[in-house]
Amino acid sequence: MTAMRRLTLLLAVWIAAALAAAPSATRPWIGVSLIERAETAPRPVRFHVVQIDLSAPGVRLEVSGPAGARETVRQTTVEFLRTRGAQLAVNAHFFLPFPSDDREAWVIGLAASNGRVYSGFELPEQRFALVPYAPALNIDPRNRARIVHHDPRGRDGRRVRERVRLWNAVSGSAQIVTEGRVTIPRYAGPDAPDGVLVAGAGYSAERSWYEVPNARTIVGLSRDGRRLTIFVVDRAGGSEGLKVGEAAAILADEYGVWNALNLDGGGSTSLAWENPATGAAEFLNQPAGGPAGRAVATSLAVFARRAPG
């Protein structure tokens, strides 16, 4: 084989590999962009990024509402999308009891659906992962979005420090991007007197819950609050997941996320869509909880108008 033929073959292989790794992007609805990426570093991973222009005509969001004898009745994200007639949906809150086959659940953290606030900020049982009174993302009736924080003057945990109207709100484990910087919570100890996490369930400063690669669900906002980003990384089908800090850095460095919250992950991570070609409600990702997806306590739905053409 001549040197020129070898060079041509190597170039063809390099181009094929680059194309295989290149992100695929679509805009099936007005104001909504879908990006799918596969990477080989820091380990093989596949993730989806949804970016939503909150000012686009027809865009609306909704969180699962209260139901049942506890706070919500669990259902898969695909089921929630189908019943609400939404175009996209992603899992949201951590919940209890877990693990459990109970169909009803208590939501952990601030939760609101179309103006009904049905769960407040709290001191969670899972202090090895969830920070006390974790911040929440609130989207008001006019699609104005911001991160809100617990106001201790409220007796029921449903008061926020910001002057906003609580409308659709989701809470997670912690704020992992703050003003463009990655902010991963630490475990309290001699080296971290300001730490807010408490060692337990096999996790500690030496083995942080946030440092274990896993499926992740994250929501974030641009600096002006006009763009909502949803990030989902799989730990299934050859994708090995990300550490929370790794995911946070991707969002801050590559997608213009200024503030972000880590939502429930692992087997709960699920991103569903209304397939524009068939109209069927389907998973976009490959849930670690199995092909049918885990029944979760809440999901966040996105409604949008079909893009022309």
C-alpha atoms as a PDB file:
ATOM      1  CA  MET A   1       0.000   0.000   0.000  1.00  0.00           C
ATOM      2  CA  THR A   2       1.416   3.356  -1.017  1.00  0.00           C
ATOM      3  CA  ALA A   3       1.905   6.151   1.489  1.00  0.00           C
ATOM      4  CA  MET A   4      -0.843   8.141  -0.258  1.00  0.00           C
ATOM      5  CA  ARG A   5      -3.311   5.257   0.000  1.00  0.00           C
ATOM      6  CA  ARG A   6      -2.459   4.771   3.689  1.00  0.00           C
ATOM      7  CA  LEU A   7      -2.962   8.471   4.325  1.00  0.00           C
ATOM      8  CA  THR A   8      -6.299   8.384   2.475  1.00  0.00           C
ATOM      9  CA  LEU A   9      -7.451   5.364   4.483  1.00  0.00           C
ATOM     10  CA  LEU A  10      -6.425   6.938   7.796  1.00  0.00           C
ATOM     11  CA  LEU A  11      -8.201  10.139   6.846  1.00  0.00           C
ATOM     12  CA  ALA A  12     -11.368   8.219   5.963  1.00  0.00           C
ATOM     13  CA  VAL A  13     -11.277   6.375   9.292  1.00  0.00           C
ATOM     14  CA  TRP A  14     -10.744   9.643  11.188  1.00  0.00           C
ATOM     15  CA  ILE A  15     -13.648  11.325   9.385  1.00  0.00           C
ATOM     16  CA  ALA A  16     -15.939   8.356  10.061  1.00  0.00           C
ATOM     17  CA  ALA A  17     -15.041   8.394  13.756  1.00  0.00           C
ATOM     18  CA  ALA A  18     -15.571  12.149  13.962  1.00  0.00           C
ATOM     19  CA  LEU A  19     -18.971  11.893  12.300  1.00  0.00           C
ATOM     20  CA  ALA A  20     -19.986   9.054  14.619  1.00  0.00           C
ATOM     21  CA  ALA A  21     -19.112  11.169  17.654  1.00  0.00           C
ATOM     22  CA  ALA A  22     -20.579  14.405  16.337  1.00  0.00           C
ATOM     23  CA  PRO A  23     -23.664  15.661  18.174  1.00  0.00           C
ATOM     24  CA  SER A  24     -26.962  15.320  16.355  1.00  0.00           C
ATOM     25  CA  ALA A  25     -29.310  18.291  16.747  1.00  0.00           C
ATOM     26  CA  THR A  26     -32.949  18.732  15.793  1.00  0.00           C
ATOM     27  CA  ARG A  27     -35.592  21.436  16.319  1.00  0.00           C
ATOM     28  CA  PRO A  28     -38.931  19.615  16.124  1.00  0.00           C
ATOM     29  CA  TRP A  29     -40.858  22.312  18.012  1.00  0.00           C
ATOM     30  CA  ILE A  30     -40.712  26.079  18.030  1.00  0.00           C
ATOM     31  CA  GLY A  31     -38.218  27.210  20.652  1.00  0.00           C
ATOM     32  CA  VAL A  32     -36.976  23.681  21.463  1.00  0.00           C
ATOM     33  CA  SER A  33     -33.610  22.199  20.412  1.00  0.00           C
ATOM     34  CA  LEU A  34     -32.687  18.549  21.006  1.00  0.00           C
ATOM     35  CA  ILE A  35     -29.040  17.506  21.051  1.00  0.00           C
ATOM     36  CA  GLU A  36     -27.771  13.937  21.401  1.00  0.00           C
ATOM     37  CA  ARG A  37     -24.087  13.269  22.039  1.00  0.00           C
ATOM     38  CA  ALA A  38     -21.865  10.233  22.522  1.00  0.00           C
ATOM     39  CA  GLU A  39     -18.421  10.641  24.046  1.00  0.00           C
ATOM     40  CA  THR A  40     -15.581   8.280  24.896  1.00  0.00           C
ATOM     41  CA  ALA A  41     -14.084  10.391  27.687  1.00  0.00           C
ATOM     42  CA  PRO A  42     -13.965  10.502  30.649  1.00  0.00           C
ATOM     43  CA  ARG A  43     -15.667   7.135  29.916  1.00  0.00           C
ATOM     44  CA  PRO A  44     -18.159   5.976  27.279  1.00  0.00           C
ATOM     45  CA  VAL A  45     -21.268   8.101  27.754  1.00  0.00           C
ATOM     46  CA  ARG A  46     -24.379   9.089  25.860  1.00  0.00           C
ATOM     47  CA  PHE A  47     -26.411  12.119  26.831  1.00  0.00           C
ATOM     48  CA  HIS A  48     -29.231  14.355  25.678  1.00  0.00           C
ATOM     49  CA  VAL A  49     -29.405  18.126  26.000  1.00  0.00           C
ATOM     50  CA  VAL A  50     -32.728  19.929  25.555  1.00  0.00           C
ATOM     51  CA  GLN A  51     -32.606  23.718  25.295  1.00  0.00           C
ATOM     52  CA  ILE A  52     -35.888  25.605  25.551  1.00  0.00           C
ATOM     53  CA  ASP A  53     -36.475  29.253  24.704  1.00  0.00           C
ATOM     54  CA  LEU A  54     -38.971  30.221  27.388  1.00  0.00           C
ATOM     55  CA  SER A  55     -40.009  33.272  25.379  1.00  0.00           C
ATOM     56  CA  ALA A  56     -40.962  31.245  22.281  1.00  0.00           C
ATOM     57  CA  PRO A  57     -44.669  31.318  21.358  1.00  0.00           C
ATOM     58  CA  GLY A  58     -46.574  28.309  22.619  1.00  0.00           C
ATOM     59  CA  VAL A  59     -43.950  27.107  25.113  1.00  0.00           C
ATOM     60  CA  ARG A  60     -45.439  26.106  28.455  1.00  0.00           C
ATOM     61  CA  LEU A  61     -44.287  23.916  31.366  1.00  0.00           C
ATOM     62  CA  GLU A  62     -46.083  21.862  33.968  1.00  0.00           C
ATOM     63  CA  VAL A  63     -45.068  19.744  36.971  1.00  0.00           C
ATOM     64  CA  SER A  64     -46.960  16.657  38.138  1.00  0.00           C
ATOM     65  CA  GLY A  65     -49.769  17.685  40.443  1.00  0.00           C
ATOM     66  CA  PRO A  66     -50.723  16.439  43.909  1.00  0.00           C
ATOM     67  CA  ALA A  67     -52.690  13.209  44.135  1.00  0.00           C
ATOM     68  CA  GLY A  68     -53.332  10.270  46.416  1.00  0.00           C
ATOM     69  CA  ALA A  69     -53.149   9.901  50.165  1.00  0.00           C
ATOM     70  CA  ARG A  70     -49.544  11.102  50.332  1.00  0.00           C
ATOM     71  CA  GLU A  71     -48.472  13.813  47.901  1.00  0.00           C
ATOM     72  CA  THR A  72     -48.335  12.202  44.456  1.00  0.00           C
ATOM     73  CA  VAL A  73     -49.205   9.013  42.637  1.00  0.00           C
ATOM     74  CA  ARG A  74     -46.191   7.576  40.866  1.00  0.00           C
ATOM     75  CA  GLN A  75     -46.137   7.070  37.108  1.00  0.00           C
ATOM     76  CA  THR A  76     -43.480   6.789  34.443  1.00  0.00           C
ATOM     77  CA  THR A  77     -42.414   9.910  32.606  1.00  0.00           C
ATOM     78  CA  VAL A  78     -43.844   8.462  29.387  1.00  0.00           C
ATOM     79  CA  GLU A  79     -47.206   7.955  31.104  1.00  0.00           C
ATOM     80  CA  PHE A  80     -47.175  11.542  32.388  1.00  0.00           C
ATOM     81  CA  LEU A  81     -46.324  12.881  28.927  1.00  0.00           C
ATOM     82  CA  ARG A  82     -49.101  10.847  27.336  1.00  0.00           C
ATOM     83  CA  THR A  83     -51.772  11.814  29.856  1.00  0.00           C
ATOM     84  CA  ARG A  84     -50.907  15.514  29.669  1.00  0.00           C
ATOM     85  CA  GLY A  85     -50.512  15.630  25.886  1.00  0.00           C
ATOM     86  CA  ALA A  86     -47.061  17.196  26.220  1.00  0.00           C
ATOM     87  CA  GLN A  87     -44.230  17.166  23.705  1.00  0.00           C
ATOM     88  CA  LEU A  88     -41.387  16.480  26.170  1.00  0.00           C
ATOM     89  CA  ALA A  89     -41.127  15.343  29.780  1.00  0.00           C
ATOM     90  CA  VAL A  90     -38.315  14.569  32.217  1.00  0.00           C
ATOM     91  CA  ASN A  91     -38.299  13.067  35.702  1.00  0.00           C
ATOM     92  CA  ALA A  92     -37.937  15.544  38.559  1.00  0.00           C
ATOM     93  CA  HIS A  93     -38.096  15.163  42.371  1.00  0.00           C
ATOM     94  CA  PHE A  94     -36.472  12.662  44.687  1.00  0.00           C
ATOM     95  CA  PHE A  95     -39.148  10.828  46.644  1.00  0.00           C
ATOM     96  CA  LEU A  96     -39.990   8.469  49.506  1.00  0.00           C
ATOM     97  CA  PRO A  97     -40.528   5.673  50.257  1.00  0.00           C
ATOM     98  CA  PHE A  98     -37.640   4.361  48.203  1.00  0.00           C
ATOM     99  CA  PRO A  99     -36.909   1.671  47.258  1.00  0.00           C
ATOM    100  CA  SER A 100     -40.544   0.629  47.299  1.00  0.00           C
ATOM    101  CA  ASP A 101     -43.306  -0.644  45.053  1.00  0.00           C
ATOM    102  CA  ASP A 102     -45.785   1.768  46.663  1.00  0.00           C
ATOM    103  CA  ARG A 103     -47.696   3.700  44.027  1.00  0.00           C
ATOM    104  CA  GLU A 104     -48.049   6.757  46.241  1.00  0.00           C
ATOM    105  CA  ALA A 105     -45.121   8.911  47.323  1.00  0.00           C
ATOM    106  CA  TRP A 106     -43.964  11.873  49.353  1.00  0.00           C
ATOM    107  CA  VAL A 107     -42.012  14.409  47.328  1.00  0.00           C
ATOM    108  CA  ILE A 108     -38.719  15.678  48.759  1.00  0.00           C
ATOM    109  CA  GLY A 109     -38.360  19.452  48.549  1.00  0.00           C
ATOM    110  CA  LEU A 110     -40.412  22.317  47.167  1.00  0.00           C
ATOM    111  CA  ALA A 111     -43.040  21.236  44.647  1.00  0.00           C
ATOM    112  CA  ALA A 112     -45.727  23.231  42.859  1.00  0.00           C
ATOM    113  CA  SER A 113     -48.005  22.489  39.935  1.00  0.00           C
ATOM    114  CA  ASN A 114     -49.898  25.280  38.174  1.00  0.00           C
ATOM    115  CA  GLY A 115     -49.916  27.379  41.325  1.00  0.00           C
ATOM    116  CA  ARG A 116     -50.693  24.565  43.803  1.00  0.00           C
ATOM    117  CA  VAL A 117     -47.775  24.316  46.240  1.00  0.00           C
ATOM    118  CA  TYR A 118     -48.035  20.863  47.762  1.00  0.00           C
ATOM    119  CA  SER A 119     -44.579  20.187  49.233  1.00  0.00           C
ATOM    120  CA  GLY A 120     -42.169  22.487  51.041  1.00  0.00           C
ATOM    121  CA  PHE A 121     -38.446  22.837  51.608  1.00  0.00           C
ATOM    122  CA  GLU A 122     -37.247  20.294  54.146  1.00  0.00           C
ATOM    123  CA  LEU A 123     -34.417  18.660  56.045  1.00  0.00           C
ATOM    124  CA  PRO A 124     -34.170  15.385  54.097  1.00  0.00           C
ATOM    125  CA  GLU A 125     -33.550  11.917  55.449  1.00  0.00           C
ATOM    126  CA  GLN A 126     -30.892  11.241  52.786  1.00  0.00           C
ATOM    127  CA  ARG A 127     -28.382  13.789  54.065  1.00  0.00           C
ATOM    128  CA  PHE A 128     -25.586  11.773  52.403  1.00  0.00           C
ATOM    129  CA  ALA A 129     -26.857  13.115  49.050  1.00  0.00           C
ATOM    130  CA  LEU A 130     -29.495  15.826  49.523  1.00  0.00           C
ATOM    131  CA  VAL A 131     -28.605  19.142  51.109  1.00  0.00           C
ATOM    132  CA  PRO A 132     -30.910  20.713  53.708  1.00  0.00           C
ATOM    133  CA  TYR A 133     -33.635  22.906  52.204  1.00  0.00           C
ATOM    134  CA  ALA A 134     -32.302  22.402  48.667  1.00  0.00           C
ATOM    135  CA  PRO A 135     -33.021  25.262  46.231  1.00  0.00           C
ATOM    136  CA  ALA A 136     -35.734  24.842  43.608  1.00  0.00           C
ATOM    137  CA  LEU A 137     -36.431  25.929  40.045  1.00  0.00           C
ATOM    138  CA  ASN A 138     -39.630  27.953  39.714  1.00  0.00           C
ATOM    139  CA  ILE A 139     -41.321  28.896  36.445  1.00  0.00           C
ATOM    140  CA  ASP A 140     -44.141  31.397  36.894  1.00  0.00           C
ATOM    141  CA  PRO A 141     -47.291  31.755  34.717  1.00  0.00           C
ATOM    142  CA  ARG A 142     -45.410  34.108  32.380  1.00  0.00           C
ATOM    143  CA  ASN A 143     -42.539  31.612  31.906  1.00  0.00           C
ATOM    144  CA  ARG A 144     -40.174  33.699  34.026  1.00  0.00           C
ATOM    145  CA  ALA A 145     -37.776  31.197  35.551  1.00  0.00           C
ATOM    146  CA  ARG A 146     -35.339  31.469  38.437  1.00  0.00           C
ATOM    147  CA  ILE A 147     -33.771  29.500  41.258  1.00  0.00           C
ATOM    148  CA  VAL A 148     -35.573  30.094  44.558  1.00  0.00           C
ATOM    149  CA  HIS A 149     -34.396  29.529  48.127  1.00  0.00           C
ATOM    150  CA  HIS A 150     -35.947  28.631  51.449  1.00  0.00           C
ATOM    151  CA  ASP A 151     -37.114  31.447  53.689  1.00  0.00           C
ATOM    152  CA  PRO A 152     -36.958  30.179  57.292  1.00  0.00           C
ATOM    153  CA  ARG A 153     -39.655  32.665  58.309  1.00  0.00           C
ATOM    154  CA  GLY A 154     -42.225  30.386  56.681  1.00  0.00           C
ATOM    155  CA  ARG A 155     -43.660  27.857  59.118  1.00  0.00           C
ATOM    156  CA  ASP A 156     -44.627  25.251  56.522  1.00  0.00           C
ATOM    157  CA  GLY A 157     -41.436  25.387  54.426  1.00  0.00           C
ATOM    158  CA  ARG A 158     -43.282  26.879  51.475  1.00  0.00           C
ATOM    159  CA  ARG A 159     -41.975  30.421  51.671  1.00  0.00           C
ATOM    160  CA  VAL A 160     -39.153  31.628  49.402  1.00  0.00           C
ATOM    161  CA  ARG A 161     -36.767  34.547  49.794  1.00  0.00           C
ATOM    162  CA  GLU A 162     -37.305  35.767  46.242  1.00  0.00           C
ATOM    163  CA  ARG A 163     -40.265  37.903  45.199  1.00  0.00           C
ATOM    164  CA  VAL A 164     -41.833  35.449  42.793  1.00  0.00           C
ATOM    165  CA  ARG A 165     -45.140  33.710  42.285  1.00  0.00           C
ATOM    166  CA  LEU A 166     -44.662  29.994  42.895  1.00  0.00           C
ATOM    167  CA  TRP A 167     -46.281  28.240  39.958  1.00  0.00           C
ATOM    168  CA  ASN A 168     -44.405  25.195  38.652  1.00  0.00           C
ATOM    169  CA  ALA A 169     -41.508  24.275  40.904  1.00  0.00           C
ATOM    170  CA  VAL A 170     -39.078  21.358  41.133  1.00  0.00           C
ATOM    171  CA  SER A 171     -36.362  20.662  43.674  1.00  0.00           C
ATOM    172  CA  GLY A 172     -33.390  18.299  43.645  1.00  0.00           C
ATOM    173  CA  SER A 173     -30.379  17.338  45.727  1.00  0.00           C
ATOM    174  CA  ALA A 174     -28.366  20.566  45.423  1.00  0.00           C
ATOM    175  CA  GLN A 175     -27.455  23.535  43.252  1.00  0.00           C
ATOM    176  CA  ILE A 176     -24.483  22.259  41.227  1.00  0.00           C
ATOM    177  CA  VAL A 177     -23.843  25.331  39.053  1.00  0.00           C
ATOM    178  CA  THR A 178     -23.977  28.723  40.734  1.00  0.00           C
ATOM    179  CA  GLU A 179     -23.344  31.859  38.683  1.00  0.00           C
ATOM    180  CA  GLY A 180     -21.406  29.876  36.111  1.00  0.00           C
ATOM    181  CA  ARG A 181     -19.258  27.960  38.610  1.00  0.00           C
ATOM    182  CA  VAL A 182     -19.477  24.269  39.479  1.00  0.00           C
ATOM    183  CA  THR A 183     -20.623  24.025  43.122  1.00  0.00           C
ATOM    184  CA  ILE A 184     -20.697  20.465  44.470  1.00  0.00           C
ATOM    185  CA  PRO A 185     -21.676  20.145  48.161  1.00  0.00           C
ATOM    186  CA  ARG A 186     -19.189  18.667  50.634  1.00  0.00           C
ATOM    187  CA  TYR A 187     -19.442  16.437  53.677  1.00  0.00           C
ATOM    188  CA  ALA A 188     -19.106  18.060  57.066  1.00  0.00           C
ATOM    189  CA  GLY A 189     -15.854  17.242  58.818  1.00  0.00           C
ATOM    190  CA  PRO A 190     -12.572  18.654  60.132  1.00  0.00           C
ATOM    191  CA  ASP A 191     -11.465  19.586  56.616  1.00  0.00           C
ATOM    192  CA  ALA A 192     -14.878  20.994  55.681  1.00  0.00           C
ATOM    193  CA  PRO A 193     -16.510  22.769  58.635  1.00  0.00           C
ATOM    194  CA  ASP A 194     -18.932  24.372  56.178  1.00  0.00           C
ATOM    195  CA  GLY A 195     -19.941  21.003  54.708  1.00  0.00           C
ATOM    196  CA  VAL A 196     -23.674  20.299  54.605  1.00  0.00           C
ATOM    197  CA  LEU A 197     -23.733  16.605  53.710  1.00  0.00           C
ATOM    198  CA  VAL A 198     -23.640  13.891  56.383  1.00  0.00           C
ATOM    199  CA  ALA A 199     -21.834  10.592  55.829  1.00  0.00           C
ATOM    200  CA  GLY A 200     -24.116   7.578  55.513  1.00  0.00           C
ATOM    201  CA  ALA A 201     -25.245   4.692  53.292  1.00  0.00           C
ATOM    202  CA  GLY A 202     -21.613   4.058  52.377  1.00  0.00           C
ATOM    203  CA  TYR A 203     -20.937   7.641  51.269  1.00  0.00           C
ATOM    204  CA  SER A 204     -18.544  10.098  52.902  1.00  0.00           C
ATOM    205  CA  ALA A 205     -15.874  12.650  52.089  1.00  0.00           C
ATOM    206  CA  GLU A 206     -13.681   9.747  50.935  1.00  0.00           C
ATOM    207  CA  ARG A 207     -16.421   8.373  48.654  1.00  0.00           C
ATOM    208  CA  SER A 208     -18.825  11.147  47.809  1.00  0.00           C
ATOM    209  CA  TRP A 209     -22.271  10.345  46.421  1.00  0.00           C
ATOM    210  CA  TYR A 210     -21.574  13.068  43.856  1.00  0.00           C
ATOM    211  CA  GLU A 211     -18.364  11.377  42.663  1.00  0.00           C
ATOM    212  CA  VAL A 212     -19.968   8.102  41.570  1.00  0.00           C
ATOM    213  CA  PRO A 213     -20.668   7.899  37.801  1.00  0.00           C
ATOM    214  CA  ASN A 214     -24.385   7.356  37.304  1.00  0.00           C
ATOM    215  CA  ALA A 215     -27.379   8.302  35.199  1.00  0.00           C
ATOM    216  CA  ARG A 216     -28.164  11.967  35.892  1.00  0.00           C
ATOM    217  CA  THR A 217     -31.007  14.419  35.372  1.00  0.00           C
ATOM    218  CA  ILE A 218     -30.170  18.122  35.626  1.00  0.00           C
ATOM    219  CA  VAL A 219     -32.063  21.341  34.899  1.00  0.00           C
ATOM    220  CA  GLY A 220     -30.361  24.680  34.383  1.00  0.00           C
ATOM    221  CA  LEU A 221     -30.933  28.281  33.371  1.00  0.00           C
ATOM    222  CA  SER A 222     -28.996  30.749  31.257  1.00  0.00           C
ATOM    223  CA  ARG A 223     -27.738  33.919  32.902  1.00  0.00           C
ATOM    224  CA  ASP A 224     -30.764  35.921  31.734  1.00  0.00           C
ATOM    225  CA  GLY A 225     -33.168  33.139  32.769  1.00  0.00           C
ATOM    226  CA  ARG A 226     -34.718  32.961  29.311  1.00  0.00           C
ATOM    227  CA  ARG A 227     -33.292  29.582  28.289  1.00  0.00           C
ATOM    228  CA  LEU A 228     -34.039  26.394  30.206  1.00  0.00           C
ATOM    229  CA  THR A 229     -31.660  23.476  29.676  1.00  0.00           C
ATOM    230  CA  ILE A 230     -32.529  19.865  30.501  1.00  0.00           C
ATOM    231  CA  PHE A 231     -29.620  17.415  30.671  1.00  0.00           C
ATOM    232  CA  VAL A 232     -29.981  13.627  30.817  1.00  0.00           C
ATOM    233  CA  VAL A 233     -27.078  11.154  30.766  1.00  0.00           C
ATOM    234  CA  ASP A 234     -27.615   7.392  30.677  1.00  0.00           C
ATOM    235  CA  ARG A 235     -26.062   4.544  32.558  1.00  0.00           C
ATOM    236  CA  ALA A 236     -27.322   1.787  30.286  1.00  0.00           C
ATOM    237  CA  GLY A 237     -26.766   0.466  26.782  1.00  0.00           C
ATOM    238  CA  GLY A 238     -23.017   1.056  26.875  1.00  0.00           C
ATOM    239  CA  SER A 239     -23.202   4.498  28.480  1.00  0.00           C
ATOM    240  CA  GLU A 240     -21.469   4.499  31.875  1.00  0.00           C
ATOM    241  CA  GLY A 241     -22.848   7.718  33.350  1.00  0.00           C
ATOM    242  CA  LEU A 242     -21.190  10.850  34.713  1.00  0.00           C
ATOM    243  CA  LYS A 243     -20.140  12.243  38.057  1.00  0.00           C
ATOM    244  CA  VAL A 244     -22.280  15.222  39.014  1.00  0.00           C
ATOM    245  CA  GLY A 245     -19.322  17.592  38.716  1.00  0.00           C
ATOM    246  CA  GLU A 246     -18.523  16.302  35.236  1.00  0.00           C
ATOM    247  CA  ALA A 247     -22.070  16.929  34.069  1.00  0.00           C
ATOM    248  CA  ALA A 248     -22.125  20.358  35.714  1.00  0.00           C
ATOM    249  CA  ALA A 249     -18.886  21.356  33.947  1.00  0.00           C
ATOM    250  CA  ILE A 250     -20.286  20.336  30.544  1.00  0.00           C
ATOM    251  CA  LEU A 251     -23.363  22.481  31.114  1.00  0.00           C
ATOM    252  CA  ALA A 252     -21.456  25.518  32.372  1.00  0.00           C
ATOM    253  CA  ASP A 253     -18.647  25.361  29.810  1.00  0.00           C
ATOM    254  CA  GLU A 254     -20.479  24.225  26.681  1.00  0.00           C
ATOM    255  CA  TYR A 255     -24.149  25.131  27.001  1.00  0.00           C
ATOM    256  CA  GLY A 256     -24.190  28.514  28.715  1.00  0.00           C
ATOM    257  CA  VAL A 257     -25.813  27.298  31.925  1.00  0.00           C
ATOM    258  CA  TRP A 258     -25.464  29.870  34.715  1.00  0.00           C
ATOM    259  CA  ASN A 259     -27.389  28.096  37.494  1.00  0.00           C
ATOM    260  CA  ALA A 260     -28.351  24.404  37.662  1.00  0.00           C
ATOM    261  CA  LEU A 261     -29.955  21.857  39.987  1.00  0.00           C
ATOM    262  CA  ASN A 262     -29.268  18.133  40.198  1.00  0.00           C
ATOM    263  CA  LEU A 263     -32.583  16.236  40.138  1.00  0.00           C
ATOM    264  CA  ASP A 264     -33.328  12.583  40.873  1.00  0.00           C
ATOM    265  CA  GLY A 265     -31.088  10.266  38.847  1.00  0.00           C
ATOM    266  CA  GLY A 266     -29.996   6.657  38.585  1.00  0.00           C
ATOM    267  CA  GLY A 267     -32.915   4.402  37.704  1.00  0.00           C
ATOM    268  CA  SER A 268     -35.268   7.409  37.799  1.00  0.00           C
ATOM    269  CA  THR A 269     -33.533   9.281  34.969  1.00  0.00           C
ATOM    270  CA  SER A 270     -35.958   9.354  32.066  1.00  0.00           C
ATOM    271  CA  LEU A 271     -36.542  11.695  29.141  1.00  0.00           C
ATOM    272  CA  ALA A 272     -39.663  11.172  27.038  1.00  0.00           C
ATOM    273  CA  TRP A 273     -40.984  12.800  23.894  1.00  0.00           C
ATOM    274  CA  GLU A 274     -43.912  12.773  21.541  1.00  0.00           C
ATOM    275  CA  ASN A 275     -42.206  11.352  18.471  1.00  0.00           C
ATOM    276  CA  PRO A 276     -42.813  14.005  15.773  1.00  0.00           C
ATOM    277  CA  ALA A 277     -42.871  11.350  13.044  1.00  0.00           C
ATOM    278  CA  THR A 278     -45.380   8.975  14.667  1.00  0.00           C
ATOM    279  CA  GLY A 279     -47.040  10.930  17.479  1.00  0.00           C
ATOM    280  CA  ALA A 280     -46.182   8.089  19.882  1.00  0.00           C
ATOM    281  CA  ALA A 281     -45.040   8.747  23.463  1.00  0.00           C
ATOM    282  CA  GLU A 282     -41.566   7.219  23.760  1.00  0.00           C
ATOM    283  CA  PHE A 283     -38.363   7.394  25.758  1.00  0.00           C
ATOM    284  CA  LEU A 284     -35.587   9.414  24.142  1.00  0.00           C
ATOM    285  CA  ASN A 285     -32.986   8.007  26.506  1.00  0.00           C
ATOM    286  CA  GLN A 286     -32.401   4.460  27.724  1.00  0.00           C
ATOM    287  CA  PRO A 287     -33.561   4.393  31.361  1.00  0.00           C
ATOM    288  CA  ALA A 288     -31.324   2.483  33.749  1.00  0.00           C
ATOM    289  CA  GLY A 289     -34.504   1.348  35.502  1.00  0.00           C
ATOM    290  CA  GLY A 290     -35.456  -0.863  32.537  1.00  0.00           C
ATOM    291  CA  PRO A 291     -37.137  -0.404  29.151  1.00  0.00           C
ATOM    292  CA  ALA A 292     -40.499   0.389  30.745  1.00  0.00           C
ATOM    293  CA  GLY A 293     -38.962   3.107  32.928  1.00  0.00           C
ATOM    294  CA  ARG A 294     -39.334   3.609  36.662  1.00  0.00           C
ATOM    295  CA  ALA A 295     -42.550   5.027  38.074  1.00  0.00           C
ATOM    296  CA  VAL A 296     -41.402   8.332  39.588  1.00  0.00           C
ATOM    297  CA  ALA A 297     -43.059  10.807  41.932  1.00  0.00           C
ATOM    298  CA  THR A 298     -43.023  13.789  39.578  1.00  0.00           C
ATOM    299  CA  SER A 299     -42.085  14.808  36.062  1.00  0.00           C
ATOM    300  CA  LEU A 300     -41.665  18.162  34.344  1.00  0.00           C
ATOM    301  CA  ALA A 301     -43.567  18.459  31.054  1.00  0.00           C
ATOM    302  CA  VAL A 302     -42.814  20.808  28.166  1.00  0.00           C
ATOM    303  CA  PHE A 303     -45.552  21.890  25.749  1.00  0.00           C
ATOM    304  CA  ALA A 304     -44.534  23.433  22.425  1.00  0.00           C
ATOM    305  CA  ARG A 305     -45.860  24.048  18.931  1.00  0.00           C
ATOM    306  CA  ARG A 306     -44.758  21.943  15.996  1.00  0.00           C
ATOM    307  CA  ALA A 307     -42.054  23.643  13.940  1.00  0.00           C
ATOM    308  CA  PRO A 308     -43.048  24.495  10.321  1.00  0.00           C
ATOM    309  CA  GLY A 309     -42.014  21.793   7.877  1.00  0.00           C
END
